[in-house]
Amino acid sequence: MKYLNTMITGTGSYIPSKRIQNSQFTKQTFFDKDHLRIESPGDEVVSKFRDITGIAERRWVEEEQTTSHIAAIAAERAIESAGIDPEIIDQIIVSHNFGDVIQGTTQTDMLPSIASRVKHSLNIKNPACIPYDIIFGCPGWLQGVIQADAFIRTNMAKCCLVIGAETLSRVVDKYDRDTMIFSDGAGATIVEGIEDTEKKGILSHAVVNHSEEEVSYLYFGKSNHPESDPSIRYIKMDGRKVYEYAISQVPAAMKAAVEKSGVDVRDIKKVLLHQANEKMDAGIVKRFYRLFGIRPDMEEVMPMNIGELGNSSVATIPTLYDMIMKQQLDPHRISSGDLLLFASVGAGMSINAIIYKQ
């Protein structure tokens, strides 16, 4: 018997070279959401930030770069990794939140779609290669993989390029402490349908959404500066609400994906979680394993790169996966046959999780 498996056959990422250290924010004047100046010394603000998030630095793109530009670079690397002719790609699925934003503005540009721009940059001629975008918050790359899996399983596609890319440095409010969370980057994967006598690749997935009062936990809003122009808006979030939501809801979605797959949770080698906040992510993983009565070895099971790369939204998981696959995140390794759990949470509020056998 042969299975049609949805496999990730190539990975690539683009990590900007510009490093923004926490120390660069110590002299910045911050205001809270009520437009009151935060009087704490800059060193204290930055120190508390690192204690909460685990972020020591983040990466921002150069002035001439945009989301579609770095998405195309990551895509080229994934195509090279997979060793395929790009003309066989049936779909280019790009997840992002703000499209291309030119340096010095906060206006989003998604006309044409970012995926169409990537296809153009890759010089793909095939008219049957269909490019389109997904706007799904931080879980966007995972949702793109889930969508690729659906097309592959119904024989509507054989090969998909799934990308998560974002330049959040273009939409942050420099007067808001949350600016220190966000970063830029791109991660890409080639997802193919592969026949095999062993069941591998995507074994199951789970997706949930809560859009009642939760819908406004992440939003676009005016600057925290009291004299700011209300017509100019930036990425905003209610950090406490996001934290509480994620801690309470994400473990159950991860558990649902495990139960659908039929695998033993003890066999999961790595949990690749959206790099949102170090403490939050650790709390999610601990609560997930607690649902099964297990205490995991956190350092072994949960690779992280948020300390050096910050939160690049849709790019965090594919970038993390690419780094491990290319042995760039010691001591973590992924080998053939390993069981992985991917999971993310973000604006909407949406959560998704995938059980994947390498």
Protein backbone atom coordinates (compact mmCIF):
# COMPACT_ATOMS: atom_id res chain seq x y z
CA MET A 1 0.00 0.00 0.00
CA LYS A 2 1.23 3.49 -0.84
CA TYR A 3 0.39 6.72 0.96
CA LEU A 4 0.26 10.17 -0.61
CA ASN A 5 2.28 12.12 1.94
CA THR A 6 2.51 15.89 2.18
CA MET A 7 6.21 16.45 2.78
CA ILE A 8 8.39 19.51 3.29
CA THR A 9 11.18 18.81 0.81
CA GLY A 10 13.11 22.07 1.01
CA THR A 11 13.61 24.97 3.41
CA GLY A 12 15.09 28.44 3.17
CA SER A 13 15.13 31.64 5.18
CA TYR A 14 16.34 35.21 5.11
CA ILE A 15 17.53 36.74 8.36
CA PRO A 16 18.35 40.46 7.99
CA SER A 17 21.92 41.41 8.83
CA LYS A 18 21.02 44.60 10.75
CA ARG A 19 21.11 43.81 14.48
CA ILE A 20 19.14 46.08 16.81
CA GLN A 21 20.38 45.58 20.36
CA ASN A 22 18.23 46.25 23.42
CA SER A 23 20.74 48.89 24.49
CA GLN A 24 19.66 51.01 21.50
CA PHE A 25 16.30 51.63 23.24
CA THR A 26 17.62 52.84 26.61
CA LYS A 27 17.39 56.52 25.65
CA GLN A 28 14.04 56.23 23.88
CA THR A 29 11.07 58.05 25.40
CA PHE A 30 8.13 55.66 25.81
CA PHE A 31 4.48 56.39 26.55
CA ASP A 32 1.75 54.00 27.68
CA LYS A 33 -1.57 53.48 25.88
CA ASP A 34 -3.11 56.35 27.90
CA HIS A 35 -0.43 58.64 26.42
CA LEU A 36 1.32 59.06 29.77
CA ARG A 37 5.08 59.22 29.71
CA ILE A 38 6.82 56.21 31.27
CA GLU A 39 9.17 57.71 33.80
CA SER A 40 11.20 54.60 34.62
CA PRO A 41 14.88 54.83 33.61
CA GLY A 42 15.61 53.43 30.17
CA ASP A 43 17.92 50.73 31.52
CA GLU A 44 15.15 49.53 33.82
CA VAL A 45 12.55 49.46 31.02
CA VAL A 46 14.85 47.44 28.77
CA SER A 47 15.89 45.08 31.56
CA LYS A 48 12.26 44.29 32.45
CA PHE A 49 11.48 43.79 28.79
CA ARG A 50 14.21 41.19 28.41
CA ASP A 51 13.14 39.39 31.59
CA ILE A 52 9.60 39.06 30.26
CA THR A 53 10.25 38.27 26.59
CA GLY A 54 13.75 36.77 26.50
CA ILE A 55 14.64 39.09 23.59
CA ALA A 56 18.14 40.57 23.63
CA GLU A 57 18.20 41.77 20.02
CA ARG A 58 16.15 41.69 16.84
CA ARG A 59 16.81 41.96 13.10
CA TRP A 60 15.52 44.76 10.88
CA VAL A 61 15.75 45.04 7.10
CA GLU A 62 17.77 47.62 5.20
CA GLU A 63 16.05 50.73 3.86
CA GLU A 64 15.71 49.44 0.30
CA GLN A 65 14.23 46.06 1.29
CA THR A 66 10.56 45.10 1.47
CA THR A 67 8.57 42.03 2.49
CA SER A 68 8.29 40.73 -1.08
CA HIS A 69 12.04 41.18 -1.58
CA ILE A 70 13.08 39.09 1.42
CA ALA A 71 10.30 36.56 0.72
CA ALA A 72 11.81 35.94 -2.71
CA ILE A 73 15.29 35.43 -1.23
CA ALA A 74 13.96 32.83 1.22
CA ALA A 75 12.03 31.20 -1.62
CA GLU A 76 15.15 30.90 -3.80
CA ARG A 77 16.94 29.17 -0.95
CA ALA A 78 14.06 26.74 -0.37
CA ILE A 79 13.92 25.89 -4.08
CA GLU A 80 17.66 25.25 -4.08
CA SER A 81 17.33 23.13 -0.93
CA ALA A 82 14.59 21.00 -2.53
CA GLY A 83 16.52 20.68 -5.78
CA ILE A 84 13.46 21.34 -7.93
CA ASP A 85 12.77 23.26 -11.11
CA PRO A 86 10.65 26.26 -9.97
CA GLU A 87 8.48 25.81 -13.08
CA ILE A 88 6.86 22.74 -11.46
CA ILE A 89 5.45 24.81 -8.58
CA ASP A 90 1.65 24.78 -8.70
CA GLN A 91 0.98 27.36 -6.01
CA ILE A 92 2.91 30.14 -4.31
CA ILE A 93 1.29 30.86 -0.95
CA VAL A 94 2.66 33.85 0.95
CA SER A 95 1.56 34.66 4.48
CA HIS A 96 2.18 38.16 5.83
CA ASN A 97 0.25 40.89 7.62
CA PHE A 98 1.16 44.25 6.10
CA GLY A 99 2.45 43.61 2.60
CA ASP A 100 5.23 45.82 1.30
CA VAL A 101 5.76 48.93 3.40
CA ILE A 102 8.22 51.49 2.03
CA GLN A 103 10.77 52.89 4.49
CA GLY A 104 9.45 56.09 6.10
CA THR A 105 5.76 55.18 5.70
CA THR A 106 3.27 52.88 7.42
CA GLN A 107 1.04 52.43 4.35
CA THR A 108 0.60 48.79 3.37
CA ASP A 109 0.94 47.81 -0.28
CA MET A 110 -0.61 44.53 -1.43
CA LEU A 111 -1.47 45.40 -5.02
CA PRO A 112 -0.44 43.18 -6.70
CA SER A 113 -0.27 40.42 -4.12
CA ILE A 114 3.05 39.69 -2.44
CA ALA A 115 2.90 36.18 -3.89
CA SER A 116 2.58 37.62 -7.41
CA ARG A 117 5.65 39.77 -6.76
CA VAL A 118 7.54 36.71 -5.55
CA LYS A 119 6.59 34.76 -8.69
CA HIS A 120 7.81 37.69 -10.76
CA SER A 121 11.10 37.87 -8.81
CA LEU A 122 11.65 34.13 -9.28
CA ASN A 123 11.02 34.57 -13.05
CA ILE A 124 8.54 31.67 -13.08
CA LYS A 125 6.89 31.54 -16.50
CA ASN A 126 4.34 28.76 -15.90
CA PRO A 127 0.83 30.32 -16.10
CA ALA A 128 -0.56 27.38 -14.11
CA CYS A 129 1.53 28.45 -11.10
CA ILE A 130 -1.00 30.39 -9.03
CA PRO A 131 0.28 32.97 -6.51
CA TYR A 132 -1.87 34.25 -3.65
CA ASP A 133 -1.59 35.67 -0.14
CA ILE A 134 -2.88 34.57 3.24
CA ILE A 135 -3.61 37.13 5.96
CA PHE A 136 -3.90 35.02 9.10
CA GLY A 137 -1.78 36.73 11.75
CA CYS A 138 1.27 35.00 13.16
CA PRO A 139 -0.06 31.48 12.35
CA GLY A 140 -0.12 32.38 8.64
CA TRP A 141 2.76 30.20 7.47
CA LEU A 142 1.31 27.15 9.23
CA GLN A 143 -2.09 27.90 7.70
CA GLY A 144 -0.43 28.08 4.30
CA VAL A 145 1.07 24.63 4.86
CA ILE A 146 -2.34 23.30 5.94
CA GLN A 147 -3.88 24.75 2.77
CA ALA A 148 -1.13 23.25 0.60
CA ASP A 149 -1.81 19.88 2.23
CA ALA A 150 -5.51 20.14 1.34
CA PHE A 151 -4.73 20.84 -2.32
CA ILE A 152 -2.18 18.02 -2.47
CA ARG A 153 -4.50 15.46 -0.87
CA THR A 154 -7.26 16.30 -3.36
CA ASN A 155 -4.84 16.06 -6.31
CA MET A 156 -5.30 19.74 -7.15
CA ALA A 157 -1.59 20.43 -6.63
CA LYS A 158 1.63 18.46 -6.40
CA CYS A 159 4.12 21.12 -5.36
CA CYS A 160 3.58 24.32 -3.38
CA LEU A 161 5.92 27.08 -2.25
CA VAL A 162 4.78 28.32 1.17
CA ILE A 163 6.39 31.47 2.57
CA GLY A 164 6.05 33.49 5.76
CA ALA A 165 7.57 36.99 5.50
CA GLU A 166 7.23 40.22 7.43
CA THR A 167 8.91 43.60 7.93
CA LEU A 168 7.34 44.67 11.20
CA SER A 169 10.01 47.34 11.75
CA ARG A 170 8.06 49.44 9.24
CA VAL A 171 4.82 49.47 11.26
CA VAL A 172 6.04 49.84 14.85
CA ASP A 173 5.40 52.88 17.05
CA LYS A 174 8.76 54.03 18.43
CA TYR A 175 6.99 55.49 21.47
CA ASP A 176 5.50 52.10 22.42
CA ARG A 177 7.62 49.59 24.39
CA ASP A 178 6.16 46.80 22.26
CA THR A 179 8.37 48.09 19.43
CA MET A 180 11.16 46.07 21.06
CA ILE A 181 9.30 42.80 20.44
CA PHE A 182 8.97 43.00 16.69
CA SER A 183 11.44 42.07 13.98
CA ASP A 184 11.80 41.28 10.29
CA GLY A 185 12.51 38.06 8.42
CA ALA A 186 11.32 35.46 5.94
CA GLY A 187 11.07 31.68 5.92
CA ALA A 188 10.07 29.47 2.99
CA THR A 189 9.32 25.81 2.34
CA ILE A 190 8.69 23.59 -0.64
CA VAL A 191 5.73 21.33 0.16
CA GLU A 192 5.23 18.34 -2.14
CA GLY A 193 3.01 15.31 -2.46
CA ILE A 194 5.26 12.23 -2.21
CA GLU A 195 4.09 8.62 -2.50
CA ASP A 196 5.63 6.21 0.01
CA THR A 197 4.85 2.87 1.64
CA GLU A 198 5.26 4.61 5.02
CA LYS A 199 2.92 7.32 6.28
CA LYS A 200 4.97 10.47 6.82
CA GLY A 201 4.76 14.22 6.49
CA ILE A 202 1.62 15.94 7.78
CA LEU A 203 -0.21 13.43 9.95
CA SER A 204 -2.86 15.78 11.36
CA HIS A 205 -3.70 19.38 12.08
CA ALA A 206 -6.00 21.42 14.31
CA VAL A 207 -7.22 25.01 13.83
CA VAL A 208 -9.37 27.13 16.15
CA ASN A 209 -10.44 30.76 16.22
CA HIS A 210 -12.02 33.10 18.77
CA SER A 211 -13.20 36.42 17.34
CA GLU A 212 -15.51 37.86 19.96
CA GLU A 213 -13.79 40.21 22.42
CA GLU A 214 -10.53 38.48 21.47
CA VAL A 215 -10.59 39.95 17.96
CA SER A 216 -9.10 43.26 19.16
CA TYR A 217 -6.14 41.90 21.13
CA LEU A 218 -3.90 42.81 18.19
CA TYR A 219 -4.86 45.77 16.01
CA PHE A 220 -3.74 48.88 14.12
CA GLY A 221 -3.91 52.06 16.22
CA LYS A 222 -2.50 55.54 16.73
CA SER A 223 0.85 56.23 18.34
CA ASN A 224 1.17 56.31 22.13
CA HIS A 225 2.67 59.79 21.85
CA PRO A 226 0.05 62.31 23.09
CA GLU A 227 0.63 64.68 20.15
CA SER A 228 0.62 62.01 17.46
CA ASP A 229 -1.37 62.23 14.23
CA PRO A 230 -4.39 59.88 14.69
CA SER A 231 -4.50 59.24 10.94
CA ILE A 232 -1.14 57.45 11.09
CA ARG A 233 -1.48 54.02 12.68
CA TYR A 234 0.87 51.31 13.92
CA ILE A 235 0.78 47.70 15.09
CA LYS A 236 -0.64 47.54 18.62
CA MET A 237 -1.47 44.76 21.04
CA ASP A 238 -2.90 44.13 24.48
CA GLY A 239 0.04 42.05 25.68
CA ARG A 240 -1.61 40.80 28.84
CA LYS A 241 -4.72 39.63 26.99
CA VAL A 242 -2.65 37.91 24.29
CA TYR A 243 -0.60 36.14 26.96
CA GLU A 244 -3.66 34.95 28.89
CA TYR A 245 -5.39 33.80 25.71
CA ALA A 246 -2.38 31.89 24.43
CA ILE A 247 -1.64 30.18 27.73
CA SER A 248 -5.24 29.06 28.15
CA GLN A 249 -6.12 28.09 24.55
CA VAL A 250 -3.03 26.95 22.63
CA PRO A 251 -2.24 23.78 24.66
CA ALA A 252 -5.72 22.36 23.94
CA ALA A 253 -5.31 22.90 20.18
CA MET A 254 -1.92 21.19 20.29
CA LYS A 255 -3.48 18.29 22.19
CA ALA A 256 -6.25 18.02 19.57
CA ALA A 257 -3.66 17.71 16.80
CA VAL A 258 -1.84 14.96 18.72
CA GLU A 259 -5.06 13.02 19.32
CA LYS A 260 -6.08 13.26 15.64
CA SER A 261 -2.71 11.90 14.55
CA GLY A 262 -2.77 8.86 16.85
CA VAL A 263 0.88 9.32 17.82
CA ASP A 264 2.20 8.93 21.36
CA VAL A 265 3.01 12.38 22.72
CA ARG A 266 6.16 10.93 24.29
CA ASP A 267 7.49 10.26 20.79
CA ILE A 268 7.44 13.93 19.78
CA LYS A 269 11.05 15.00 19.27
CA LYS A 270 10.60 18.77 18.97
CA VAL A 271 7.91 21.38 19.52
CA LEU A 272 8.43 24.24 17.08
CA LEU A 273 6.35 27.08 18.49
CA HIS A 274 5.82 30.59 17.11
CA GLN A 275 8.59 32.68 18.67
CA ALA A 276 6.37 35.24 20.38
CA ASN A 277 7.60 35.59 23.94
CA GLU A 278 10.02 33.27 25.73
CA LYS A 279 8.04 33.00 28.96
CA MET A 280 4.73 32.63 27.17
CA ASP A 281 6.08 29.93 24.86
CA ALA A 282 7.59 27.99 27.77
CA GLY A 283 4.28 28.25 29.62
CA ILE A 284 2.36 26.93 26.61
CA VAL A 285 4.62 23.92 26.19
CA LYS A 286 4.58 23.06 29.90
CA ARG A 287 0.77 23.25 30.00
CA PHE A 288 0.51 21.16 26.85
CA TYR A 289 2.57 18.33 28.35
CA ARG A 290 0.72 18.70 31.66
CA LEU A 291 -2.47 17.70 29.80
CA PHE A 292 -0.78 14.31 29.31
CA GLY A 293 0.71 14.17 32.81
CA ILE A 294 4.26 14.64 31.50
CA ARG A 295 7.13 16.89 32.55
CA PRO A 296 9.28 17.49 29.47
CA ASP A 297 12.95 18.31 29.20
CA MET A 298 12.31 21.86 28.00
CA GLU A 299 15.79 22.51 26.68
CA GLU A 300 15.64 19.35 24.58
CA VAL A 301 12.08 19.57 23.25
CA MET A 302 11.66 23.34 22.65
CA PRO A 303 14.24 25.01 20.38
CA MET A 304 14.15 28.82 20.46
CA ASN A 305 15.79 31.66 18.56
CA ILE A 306 13.71 34.59 19.81
CA GLY A 307 16.56 35.87 22.00
CA GLU A 308 18.61 36.76 18.94
CA LEU A 309 15.97 37.24 16.24
CA GLY A 310 12.93 38.70 18.04
CA ASN A 311 9.34 38.12 16.90
CA SER A 312 9.03 38.21 13.09
CA SER A 313 5.42 36.96 13.15
CA VAL A 314 4.73 34.55 10.26
CA ALA A 315 8.46 34.05 9.64
CA THR A 316 9.40 32.68 13.07
CA ILE A 317 8.50 28.99 12.62
CA PRO A 318 9.81 28.45 9.06
CA THR A 319 13.00 30.32 10.02
CA LEU A 320 13.41 28.21 13.16
CA TYR A 321 12.79 25.01 11.18
CA ASP A 322 15.26 26.01 8.48
CA MET A 323 17.96 26.80 11.05
CA ILE A 324 17.59 23.40 12.69
CA MET A 325 17.49 21.53 9.38
CA LYS A 326 20.72 23.27 8.38
CA GLN A 327 22.32 22.61 11.79
CA GLN A 328 22.54 26.30 12.66
CA LEU A 329 20.88 26.05 16.08
CA ASP A 330 22.99 23.85 18.31
CA PRO A 331 22.42 21.40 19.88
CA HIS A 332 19.08 20.83 18.12
CA ARG A 333 18.87 18.33 15.28
CA ILE A 334 16.01 16.86 13.23
CA SER A 335 16.43 13.46 11.58
CA SER A 336 14.34 11.33 9.24
CA GLY A 337 11.49 9.70 11.15
CA ASP A 338 11.38 12.33 13.91
CA LEU A 339 7.96 13.50 15.06
CA LEU A 340 7.50 17.27 15.23
CA LEU A 341 4.72 19.46 16.59
CA PHE A 342 4.33 22.89 14.98
CA ALA A 343 2.01 25.40 16.65
CA SER A 344 1.22 29.10 16.50
CA VAL A 345 -1.17 31.75 17.79
CA GLY A 346 -1.89 35.27 16.61
CA ALA A 347 -4.18 38.08 15.53
CA GLY A 348 -7.72 37.15 15.03
CA MET A 349 -7.39 35.32 17.43
CA SER A 350 -6.40 32.12 15.66
CA ILE A 351 -4.42 29.04 16.69
CA ASN A 352 -3.16 26.18 14.57
CA ALA A 353 -1.04 23.08 15.10
CA ILE A 354 0.42 20.34 12.90
CA ILE A 355 1.83 16.92 13.71
CA TYR A 356 4.57 16.17 11.21
CA LYS A 357 6.76 13.11 10.67
CA GLN A 358 10.06 14.00 9.11
